Amino acid sequence: MKHTISVLVENHAGVLSRISGLFTRRGFNIDSLAVGVTDDPDISRITIIVTCDEHMTEQVEKQLNKLIEVLKVKTIPDEELIARELMIVKLSADAAARRDILTVAEVMEAKILDITPTTLTLQLADVPQQLERFVQLVEPYGILEIARTGTIALQKGSDTLSFRGKV
């Protein structure tokens, strides 16, 4: 089962290496990883998607909490999760295919970033399953390049993973 782990860390060089090393030592594969600063430039949020059972997730949380630079760790249950991933895709788009691709883009709420006589570059931000569906729909036209971010996530409702104290 996939689990979403949100981690607040001190924004220092080497922190990501120590965290990813923890997963490596335990033989866990990270499905997705995204890192970004928070409202406090001294604190970063790391969102990790990992496939493992509940027991392993608890063990990972305990190990993460032992790292000095880790401020808070929380596994966000699927039913409480708001998650998005960003994808940019460059497609082969001659005049004949362009209209069909633009129809798919409109239905999937993709944004046009660039148009040339032979290509069309689109942006889509959605849940990973919708991005996969989009890729399947446009694949027949010819994907020239694709870039995807890792998943970012927050918990629904008023519960937060914030750290208001200074590091």
Protein backbone atom coordinates (compact mmCIF):
# COMPACT_ATOMS: atom_id res chain seq x y z
CA MET A 1 0.00 0.00 0.00
CA LYS A 2 1.21 3.53 -0.78
CA HIS A 3 1.73 5.88 2.15
CA THR A 4 2.30 9.63 2.11
CA ILE A 5 4.78 10.81 4.70
CA SER A 6 5.20 14.53 5.30
CA VAL A 7 8.39 15.63 7.05
CA LEU A 8 9.42 19.08 8.30
CA VAL A 9 13.19 19.45 8.45
CA GLU A 10 15.82 22.08 9.08
CA ASN A 11 16.77 23.62 5.73
CA HIS A 12 20.43 22.51 5.71
CA ALA A 13 22.72 20.86 3.17
CA GLY A 14 22.84 17.07 3.50
CA VAL A 15 19.46 16.57 5.21
CA LEU A 16 17.85 15.00 2.14
CA SER A 17 20.81 12.65 1.76
CA ARG A 18 20.45 11.43 5.35
CA ILE A 19 16.71 10.90 4.92
CA SER A 20 17.01 9.04 1.62
CA GLY A 21 19.84 6.98 3.14
CA LEU A 22 17.50 5.89 5.91
CA PHE A 23 15.11 4.48 3.27
CA THR A 24 17.97 2.86 1.36
CA ARG A 25 19.36 1.10 4.44
CA ARG A 26 15.96 -0.43 5.12
CA GLY A 27 15.44 -1.51 1.51
CA PHE A 28 12.44 0.76 0.89
CA ASN A 29 11.91 2.20 -2.56
CA ILE A 30 10.73 5.80 -2.62
CA ASP A 31 7.96 6.13 -5.22
CA SER A 32 7.94 9.93 -5.13
CA LEU A 33 9.88 12.62 -3.31
CA ALA A 34 9.37 16.38 -3.33
CA VAL A 35 11.19 19.00 -1.30
CA GLY A 36 10.45 22.69 -0.90
CA VAL A 37 10.81 25.52 1.58
CA THR A 38 7.86 26.44 3.78
CA ASP A 39 6.65 29.85 4.93
CA ASP A 40 9.77 29.81 7.12
CA PRO A 41 12.96 29.79 4.95
CA ASP A 42 14.78 27.84 7.69
CA ILE A 43 12.36 24.90 7.35
CA SER A 44 11.69 22.63 4.38
CA ARG A 45 8.83 20.19 3.81
CA ILE A 46 9.65 16.81 2.31
CA THR A 47 6.77 14.77 0.91
CA ILE A 48 7.64 11.11 0.47
CA ILE A 49 5.43 8.48 -1.17
CA VAL A 50 6.48 4.95 -0.28
CA THR A 51 4.94 1.52 -0.83
CA CYS A 52 5.00 -0.54 2.37
CA ASP A 53 2.70 -1.89 5.07
CA GLU A 54 1.48 -0.04 8.19
CA HIS A 55 4.15 -1.57 10.44
CA MET A 56 6.98 -0.51 8.12
CA THR A 57 5.52 3.00 7.90
CA GLU A 58 5.54 3.27 11.69
CA GLN A 59 9.16 2.12 11.75
CA VAL A 60 10.12 4.70 9.13
CA GLU A 61 8.41 7.44 11.17
CA LYS A 62 10.33 6.39 14.30
CA GLN A 63 13.64 6.35 12.43
CA LEU A 64 12.97 9.74 10.82
CA ASN A 65 12.17 11.23 14.24
CA LYS A 66 15.62 10.14 15.46
CA LEU A 67 17.39 12.35 12.91
CA ILE A 68 18.52 15.62 14.48
CA GLU A 69 17.37 17.83 11.59
CA VAL A 70 13.85 16.35 11.52
CA LEU A 71 11.36 18.60 13.30
CA LYS A 72 8.07 16.75 12.65
CA VAL A 73 6.90 13.63 10.82
CA LYS A 74 3.37 12.65 9.91
CA THR A 75 1.86 9.96 7.70
CA ILE A 76 -1.23 11.43 6.08
CA PRO A 77 -4.11 8.95 5.66
CA ASP A 78 -5.46 8.70 2.09
CA GLU A 79 -8.92 9.91 3.11
CA GLU A 80 -7.38 13.10 4.58
CA LEU A 81 -4.97 13.76 1.71
CA ILE A 82 -4.88 16.65 -0.74
CA ALA A 83 -2.15 15.78 -3.25
CA ARG A 84 -0.97 17.12 -6.60
CA GLU A 85 1.80 16.46 -9.05
CA LEU A 86 2.93 18.70 -11.91
CA MET A 87 3.68 17.40 -15.40
CA ILE A 88 4.98 19.18 -18.49
CA VAL A 89 4.70 17.22 -21.74
CA LYS A 90 5.94 18.11 -25.22
CA LEU A 91 3.97 16.43 -28.00
CA SER A 92 4.43 16.05 -31.70
CA ALA A 93 1.54 18.12 -33.04
CA ASP A 94 1.17 18.69 -36.74
CA ALA A 95 -1.83 20.66 -38.00
CA ALA A 96 -3.98 17.52 -38.31
CA ALA A 97 -3.37 16.34 -34.72
CA ARG A 98 -3.36 19.73 -33.01
CA ARG A 99 -7.16 20.07 -32.74
CA ASP A 100 -7.56 16.61 -31.18
CA ILE A 101 -4.75 17.24 -28.70
CA LEU A 102 -6.23 20.61 -27.73
CA THR A 103 -9.60 18.94 -27.13
CA VAL A 104 -7.98 16.42 -24.77
CA ALA A 105 -6.08 19.28 -23.09
CA GLU A 106 -9.29 21.25 -22.55
CA VAL A 107 -11.16 18.27 -21.09
CA MET A 108 -8.26 17.42 -18.77
CA GLU A 109 -7.73 21.11 -17.85
CA ALA A 110 -4.17 21.20 -19.16
CA LYS A 111 -2.56 24.57 -19.83
CA ILE A 112 -0.81 25.37 -23.11
CA LEU A 113 2.77 26.51 -22.46
CA ASP A 114 4.25 26.57 -25.97
CA ILE A 115 3.16 26.04 -29.57
CA THR A 116 5.39 25.62 -32.62
CA PRO A 117 4.46 24.45 -36.11
CA THR A 118 5.39 20.87 -35.12
CA THR A 119 5.03 20.69 -31.32
CA LEU A 120 2.69 21.50 -28.49
CA THR A 121 3.86 21.76 -24.86
CA LEU A 122 1.27 21.34 -22.12
CA GLN A 123 1.20 21.59 -18.33
CA LEU A 124 -1.10 19.59 -16.09
CA ALA A 125 -1.31 19.64 -12.29
CA ASP A 126 -3.47 16.89 -10.82
CA VAL A 127 -3.41 13.64 -8.90
CA PRO A 128 -0.95 11.08 -10.30
CA GLN A 129 -3.77 8.86 -11.63
CA GLN A 130 -5.13 11.71 -13.78
CA LEU A 131 -1.65 12.45 -15.12
CA GLU A 132 -1.32 8.80 -16.13
CA ARG A 133 -4.71 8.97 -17.86
CA PHE A 134 -3.60 12.11 -19.71
CA VAL A 135 -0.39 10.41 -20.86
CA GLN A 136 -2.40 7.45 -22.18
CA LEU A 137 -4.71 9.79 -24.12
CA VAL A 138 -1.92 11.79 -25.79
CA GLU A 139 0.59 8.97 -26.28
CA PRO A 140 -0.76 8.09 -29.76
CA TYR A 141 0.18 11.59 -30.99
CA GLY A 142 3.82 11.13 -30.01
CA ILE A 143 5.34 12.22 -26.71
CA LEU A 144 8.66 13.94 -27.40
CA GLU A 145 9.53 14.84 -23.80
CA ILE A 146 7.93 14.54 -20.42
CA ALA A 147 8.90 15.94 -17.00
CA ARG A 148 7.08 15.28 -13.75
CA THR A 149 7.56 16.55 -10.24
CA GLY A 150 7.12 14.43 -7.17
CA THR A 151 3.81 14.52 -5.38
CA ILE A 152 3.22 17.35 -2.93
CA ALA A 153 0.57 16.96 -0.26
CA LEU A 154 -1.22 18.58 2.65
CA GLN A 155 -3.76 17.22 5.08
CA LYS A 156 -7.40 18.24 4.66
CA GLY A 157 -9.12 20.26 7.36
CA SER A 158 -7.65 22.36 10.14
CA ASP A 159 -4.97 19.87 11.28
CA THR A 160 -1.49 21.07 10.23
CA LEU A 161 2.08 19.88 10.21
CA SER A 162 3.59 23.21 11.18
CA PHE A 163 6.53 24.13 13.30
CA ARG A 164 6.16 27.66 14.58
CA GLY A 165 9.23 27.63 16.82
CA LYS A 166 12.59 28.75 15.45
CA VAL A 167 15.21 26.16 14.65
